[in-house]
């Protein structure tokens, strides 16, 4: 019986070591993490993203960011958490208007008039476009992307996370414009 238990223990220990080694190899494929926020950072560039047609606000052209940081938030008029995040986005857009371009990407089924009604109600002054496409898959909204002035993505995730605000600060600091 002791031999059987010893053999089983060795087998379990060996299996655990093999699983650990396999997991360690898989970790090489995981996206890097931002050292300050510990959020995964996928290797994506602003140039890899495409905006939908303009709905309201100033023109948004990702090819003409003029050394500014960029924040894109995918949201929808029928999404409670999205609507709750709009005042914070407007506050950030107003505070960072000299160094960061904010773009709201409406990403649900709705008419332009419905979107415009929400924009008016929330007094949004930044660009609102009809959706965003890029190399990063996301399934839930709201979802924000933060890019530094060089176009490198610093953050991809929920805009209510503390890491989002940290990424916006970092991106804004990278801007090459007079403050």
C-alpha atoms as a PDB file:
ATOM      1  CA  UNK A   1       0.000   0.000   0.000  1.00  0.00           C
ATOM      2  CA  UNK A   2       2.881   2.381   0.848  1.00  0.00           C
ATOM      3  CA  UNK A   3       4.493   1.662  -2.518  1.00  0.00           C
ATOM      4  CA  UNK A   4       1.221   2.430  -4.271  1.00  0.00           C
ATOM      5  CA  UNK A   5       0.844   5.749  -2.406  1.00  0.00           C
ATOM      6  CA  UNK A   6       4.469   6.681  -3.144  1.00  0.00           C
ATOM      7  CA  UNK A   7       4.008   5.852  -6.795  1.00  0.00           C
ATOM      8  CA  UNK A   8       0.799   7.908  -6.959  1.00  0.00           C
ATOM      9  CA  UNK A   9       2.543  10.852  -5.251  1.00  0.00           C
ATOM     10  CA  UNK A  10       5.417  10.736  -7.722  1.00  0.00           C
ATOM     11  CA  UNK A  11       2.969  10.557 -10.612  1.00  0.00           C
ATOM     12  CA  UNK A  12       1.015  13.589  -9.333  1.00  0.00           C
ATOM     13  CA  UNK A  13       4.238  15.534  -8.708  1.00  0.00           C
ATOM     14  CA  UNK A  14       5.510  14.731 -12.196  1.00  0.00           C
ATOM     15  CA  UNK A  15       2.194  15.710 -13.770  1.00  0.00           C
ATOM     16  CA  UNK A  16       2.171  19.002 -11.838  1.00  0.00           C
ATOM     17  CA  UNK A  17       5.686  19.798 -13.055  1.00  0.00           C
ATOM     18  CA  UNK A  18       4.684  19.070 -16.650  1.00  0.00           C
ATOM     19  CA  UNK A  19       1.603  21.303 -16.379  1.00  0.00           C
ATOM     20  CA  UNK A  20       3.690  24.111 -14.865  1.00  0.00           C
ATOM     21  CA  UNK A  21       6.224  23.865 -17.706  1.00  0.00           C
ATOM     22  CA  UNK A  22       3.443  23.926 -20.318  1.00  0.00           C
ATOM     23  CA  UNK A  23       1.833  26.979 -18.678  1.00  0.00           C
ATOM     24  CA  UNK A  24       5.203  28.718 -18.538  1.00  0.00           C
ATOM     25  CA  UNK A  25       5.647  28.189 -22.289  1.00  0.00           C
ATOM     26  CA  UNK A  26       2.132  29.532 -22.954  1.00  0.00           C
ATOM     27  CA  UNK A  27       2.900  32.705 -20.989  1.00  0.00           C
ATOM     28  CA  UNK A  28       5.371  33.707 -23.705  1.00  0.00           C
ATOM     29  CA  UNK A  29       2.392  34.217 -26.033  1.00  0.00           C
ATOM     30  CA  UNK A  30       0.488  36.472 -23.622  1.00  0.00           C
ATOM     31  CA  UNK A  31       0.447  40.219 -24.222  1.00  0.00           C
ATOM     32  CA  UNK A  32       2.912  42.269 -22.225  1.00  0.00           C
ATOM     33  CA  UNK A  33       1.711  44.186 -19.178  1.00  0.00           C
ATOM     34  CA  UNK A  34       2.027  47.876 -18.536  1.00  0.00           C
ATOM     35  CA  UNK A  35       4.437  48.139 -15.601  1.00  0.00           C
ATOM     36  CA  UNK A  36       2.410  50.791 -13.767  1.00  0.00           C
ATOM     37  CA  UNK A  37      -1.121  49.532 -14.383  1.00  0.00           C
ATOM     38  CA  UNK A  38      -0.430  45.778 -14.687  1.00  0.00           C
ATOM     39  CA  UNK A  39      -3.015  45.718 -17.492  1.00  0.00           C
ATOM     40  CA  UNK A  40      -2.312  43.507 -20.520  1.00  0.00           C
ATOM     41  CA  UNK A  41      -1.172  45.554 -23.474  1.00  0.00           C
ATOM     42  CA  UNK A  42      -1.765  44.092 -26.896  1.00  0.00           C
ATOM     43  CA  UNK A  43       0.603  45.140 -29.620  1.00  0.00           C
ATOM     44  CA  UNK A  44      -1.687  47.454 -31.572  1.00  0.00           C
ATOM     45  CA  UNK A  45      -1.220  50.858 -33.118  1.00  0.00           C
ATOM     46  CA  UNK A  46      -3.656  53.677 -33.677  1.00  0.00           C
ATOM     47  CA  UNK A  47      -3.021  53.314 -37.422  1.00  0.00           C
ATOM     48  CA  UNK A  48      -4.584  49.817 -37.217  1.00  0.00           C
ATOM     49  CA  UNK A  49      -7.979  51.276 -36.208  1.00  0.00           C
ATOM     50  CA  UNK A  50     -10.695  52.649 -38.482  1.00  0.00           C
ATOM     51  CA  UNK A  51     -13.549  54.916 -37.422  1.00  0.00           C
ATOM     52  CA  UNK A  52     -17.092  54.838 -38.753  1.00  0.00           C
ATOM     53  CA  UNK A  53     -18.879  57.821 -40.246  1.00  0.00           C
ATOM     54  CA  UNK A  54     -19.136  61.006 -38.201  1.00  0.00           C
ATOM     55  CA  UNK A  55     -22.383  61.537 -36.279  1.00  0.00           C
ATOM     56  CA  UNK A  56     -21.712  64.687 -34.217  1.00  0.00           C
ATOM     57  CA  UNK A  57     -18.913  66.888 -32.934  1.00  0.00           C
ATOM     58  CA  UNK A  58     -15.584  67.864 -34.443  1.00  0.00           C
ATOM     59  CA  UNK A  59     -14.126  65.878 -37.338  1.00  0.00           C
ATOM     60  CA  UNK A  60     -12.142  62.833 -36.261  1.00  0.00           C
ATOM     61  CA  UNK A  61      -9.285  61.664 -38.482  1.00  0.00           C
ATOM     62  CA  UNK A  62      -6.906  59.145 -36.937  1.00  0.00           C
ATOM     63  CA  UNK A  63      -4.292  59.966 -39.568  1.00  0.00           C
ATOM     64  CA  UNK A  64      -4.186  63.575 -38.338  1.00  0.00           C
ATOM     65  CA  UNK A  65      -3.679  63.437 -34.584  1.00  0.00           C
ATOM     66  CA  UNK A  66      -0.866  66.040 -34.659  1.00  0.00           C
ATOM     67  CA  UNK A  67       1.209  64.570 -31.831  1.00  0.00           C
ATOM     68  CA  UNK A  68      -1.742  64.217 -29.487  1.00  0.00           C
ATOM     69  CA  UNK A  69      -2.813  61.233 -27.439  1.00  0.00           C
ATOM     70  CA  UNK A  70      -6.075  59.554 -28.503  1.00  0.00           C
ATOM     71  CA  UNK A  71      -8.879  57.937 -26.504  1.00  0.00           C
ATOM     72  CA  UNK A  72     -11.589  55.960 -28.295  1.00  0.00           C
ATOM     73  CA  UNK A  73     -14.559  54.689 -26.309  1.00  0.00           C
ATOM     74  CA  UNK A  74     -16.979  52.175 -27.818  1.00  0.00           C
ATOM     75  CA  UNK A  75     -20.412  52.733 -26.268  1.00  0.00           C
ATOM     76  CA  UNK A  76     -24.122  52.493 -27.003  1.00  0.00           C
ATOM     77  CA  UNK A  77     -27.343  54.383 -26.330  1.00  0.00           C
ATOM     78  CA  UNK A  78     -29.024  51.264 -24.884  1.00  0.00           C
ATOM     79  CA  UNK A  79     -26.179  50.433 -22.482  1.00  0.00           C
ATOM     80  CA  UNK A  80     -26.573  51.652 -18.879  1.00  0.00           C
ATOM     81  CA  UNK A  81     -22.862  51.464 -17.964  1.00  0.00           C
ATOM     82  CA  UNK A  82     -22.039  53.289 -21.210  1.00  0.00           C
ATOM     83  CA  UNK A  83     -24.418  56.127 -20.423  1.00  0.00           C
ATOM     84  CA  UNK A  84     -23.013  56.296 -16.891  1.00  0.00           C
ATOM     85  CA  UNK A  85     -19.472  56.733 -18.257  1.00  0.00           C
ATOM     86  CA  UNK A  86     -20.327  59.618 -20.602  1.00  0.00           C
ATOM     87  CA  UNK A  87     -20.062  62.434 -18.000  1.00  0.00           C
ATOM     88  CA  UNK A  88     -16.593  61.201 -16.990  1.00  0.00           C
ATOM     89  CA  UNK A  89     -15.512  61.057 -20.642  1.00  0.00           C
ATOM     90  CA  UNK A  90     -16.798  64.590 -21.211  1.00  0.00           C
ATOM     91  CA  UNK A  91     -14.950  65.786 -18.102  1.00  0.00           C
ATOM     92  CA  UNK A  92     -11.713  64.177 -19.316  1.00  0.00           C
ATOM     93  CA  UNK A  93     -12.178  65.516 -22.846  1.00  0.00           C
ATOM     94  CA  UNK A  94     -12.650  69.039 -21.504  1.00  0.00           C
ATOM     95  CA  UNK A  95      -9.687  68.820 -19.105  1.00  0.00           C
ATOM     96  CA  UNK A  96      -7.363  67.243 -21.707  1.00  0.00           C
ATOM     97  CA  UNK A  97      -8.517  69.152 -24.812  1.00  0.00           C
ATOM     98  CA  UNK A  98      -5.023  70.530 -25.505  1.00  0.00           C
ATOM     99  CA  UNK A  99      -3.194  67.204 -25.521  1.00  0.00           C
ATOM    100  CA  UNK A 100      -5.709  64.392 -26.105  1.00  0.00           C
ATOM    101  CA  UNK A 101      -8.326  63.696 -28.777  1.00  0.00           C
ATOM    102  CA  UNK A 102     -11.453  61.947 -27.455  1.00  0.00           C
ATOM    103  CA  UNK A 103     -13.698  59.980 -29.783  1.00  0.00           C
ATOM    104  CA  UNK A 104     -16.923  58.230 -28.882  1.00  0.00           C
ATOM    105  CA  UNK A 105     -17.620  55.264 -31.161  1.00  0.00           C
ATOM    106  CA  UNK A 106     -21.310  54.387 -31.003  1.00  0.00           C
ATOM    107  CA  UNK A 107     -21.360  50.588 -31.244  1.00  0.00           C
ATOM    108  CA  UNK A 108     -25.004  49.492 -30.988  1.00  0.00           C
ATOM    109  CA  UNK A 109     -28.065  49.442 -33.200  1.00  0.00           C
ATOM    110  CA  UNK A 110     -29.534  52.949 -33.074  1.00  0.00           C
ATOM    111  CA  UNK A 111     -30.357  55.771 -35.428  1.00  0.00           C
ATOM    112  CA  UNK A 112     -28.146  58.815 -35.702  1.00  0.00           C
ATOM    113  CA  UNK A 113     -31.012  60.828 -34.218  1.00  0.00           C
ATOM    114  CA  UNK A 114     -31.075  58.595 -31.118  1.00  0.00           C
ATOM    115  CA  UNK A 115     -27.315  59.042 -30.735  1.00  0.00           C
ATOM    116  CA  UNK A 116     -27.603  62.806 -31.210  1.00  0.00           C
ATOM    117  CA  UNK A 117     -30.290  62.937 -28.505  1.00  0.00           C
ATOM    118  CA  UNK A 118     -27.961  61.234 -26.005  1.00  0.00           C
ATOM    119  CA  UNK A 119     -25.083  63.492 -27.056  1.00  0.00           C
ATOM    120  CA  UNK A 120     -27.233  66.594 -26.531  1.00  0.00           C
ATOM    121  CA  UNK A 121     -28.583  65.385 -23.170  1.00  0.00           C
ATOM    122  CA  UNK A 122     -25.043  64.698 -21.902  1.00  0.00           C
ATOM    123  CA  UNK A 123     -23.590  67.868 -23.493  1.00  0.00           C
ATOM    124  CA  UNK A 124     -20.804  65.909 -25.207  1.00  0.00           C
ATOM    125  CA  UNK A 125     -18.386  68.121 -27.108  1.00  0.00           C
ATOM    126  CA  UNK A 126     -16.019  65.493 -28.497  1.00  0.00           C
ATOM    127  CA  UNK A 127     -16.368  63.606 -31.787  1.00  0.00           C
ATOM    128  CA  UNK A 128     -18.965  60.849 -31.998  1.00  0.00           C
ATOM    129  CA  UNK A 129     -18.655  58.348 -34.842  1.00  0.00           C
ATOM    130  CA  UNK A 130     -20.566  55.283 -35.932  1.00  0.00           C
ATOM    131  CA  UNK A 131     -18.393  52.458 -34.571  1.00  0.00           C
ATOM    132  CA  UNK A 132     -14.730  51.529 -34.583  1.00  0.00           C
ATOM    133  CA  UNK A 133     -12.876  48.592 -36.125  1.00  0.00           C
ATOM    134  CA  UNK A 134      -9.426  47.404 -35.225  1.00  0.00           C
ATOM    135  CA  UNK A 135      -7.220  44.436 -34.430  1.00  0.00           C
ATOM    136  CA  UNK A 136      -8.415  44.146 -30.815  1.00  0.00           C
ATOM    137  CA  UNK A 137     -11.484  42.006 -30.253  1.00  0.00           C
ATOM    138  CA  UNK A 138     -13.863  43.105 -27.528  1.00  0.00           C
ATOM    139  CA  UNK A 139     -17.313  41.806 -26.745  1.00  0.00           C
ATOM    140  CA  UNK A 140     -18.664  44.205 -24.152  1.00  0.00           C
ATOM    141  CA  UNK A 141     -19.258  47.905 -24.007  1.00  0.00           C
ATOM    142  CA  UNK A 142     -18.245  50.350 -22.791  1.00  0.00           C
ATOM    143  CA  UNK A 143     -14.729  49.584 -23.956  1.00  0.00           C
ATOM    144  CA  UNK A 144     -11.964  52.163 -24.180  1.00  0.00           C
ATOM    145  CA  UNK A 145      -8.690  52.281 -26.081  1.00  0.00           C
ATOM    146  CA  UNK A 146      -5.940  54.709 -25.068  1.00  0.00           C
ATOM    147  CA  UNK A 147      -3.057  55.590 -27.389  1.00  0.00           C
ATOM    148  CA  UNK A 148      -0.001  57.706 -26.671  1.00  0.00           C
ATOM    149  CA  UNK A 149       1.155  60.491 -29.003  1.00  0.00           C
ATOM    150  CA  UNK A 150       3.246  57.998 -30.996  1.00  0.00           C
ATOM    151  CA  UNK A 151       0.129  55.902 -31.675  1.00  0.00           C
ATOM    152  CA  UNK A 152       1.025  53.011 -29.373  1.00  0.00           C
ATOM    153  CA  UNK A 153      -1.905  51.463 -27.523  1.00  0.00           C
ATOM    154  CA  UNK A 154      -1.416  51.799 -23.768  1.00  0.00           C
ATOM    155  CA  UNK A 155      -4.788  50.494 -22.610  1.00  0.00           C
ATOM    156  CA  UNK A 156      -7.713  48.401 -23.790  1.00  0.00           C
ATOM    157  CA  UNK A 157     -10.528  47.775 -21.329  1.00  0.00           C
ATOM    158  CA  UNK A 158     -13.387  49.167 -19.296  1.00  0.00           C
ATOM    159  CA  UNK A 159     -13.274  52.959 -18.822  1.00  0.00           C
ATOM    160  CA  UNK A 160     -14.321  52.655 -15.164  1.00  0.00           C
ATOM    161  CA  UNK A 161     -11.105  50.808 -14.262  1.00  0.00           C
ATOM    162  CA  UNK A 162      -8.530  52.862 -12.379  1.00  0.00           C
ATOM    163  CA  UNK A 163      -5.988  51.719 -14.961  1.00  0.00           C
ATOM    164  CA  UNK A 164      -7.924  53.639 -17.622  1.00  0.00           C
ATOM    165  CA  UNK A 165      -7.393  56.993 -15.894  1.00  0.00           C
ATOM    166  CA  UNK A 166      -3.724  56.147 -15.329  1.00  0.00           C
ATOM    167  CA  UNK A 167      -3.336  55.317 -19.029  1.00  0.00           C
ATOM    168  CA  UNK A 168      -5.022  58.586 -20.050  1.00  0.00           C
ATOM    169  CA  UNK A 169      -2.620  60.539 -17.823  1.00  0.00           C
ATOM    170  CA  UNK A 170       0.371  58.682 -19.273  1.00  0.00           C
ATOM    171  CA  UNK A 171      -0.847  59.142 -22.853  1.00  0.00           C
ATOM    172  CA  UNK A 172      -1.580  62.833 -22.323  1.00  0.00           C
ATOM    173  CA  UNK A 173       1.901  63.350 -20.891  1.00  0.00           C
ATOM    174  CA  UNK A 174       3.357  61.954 -24.137  1.00  0.00           C
ATOM    175  CA  UNK A 175       1.651  64.647 -26.254  1.00  0.00           C
ATOM    176  CA  UNK A 176       3.907  66.978 -28.172  1.00  0.00           C
ATOM    177  CA  UNK A 177       1.752  70.091 -28.018  1.00  0.00           C
ATOM    178  CA  UNK A 178       1.839  73.264 -25.983  1.00  0.00           C
ATOM    179  CA  UNK A 179      -0.086  72.804 -22.730  1.00  0.00           C
END
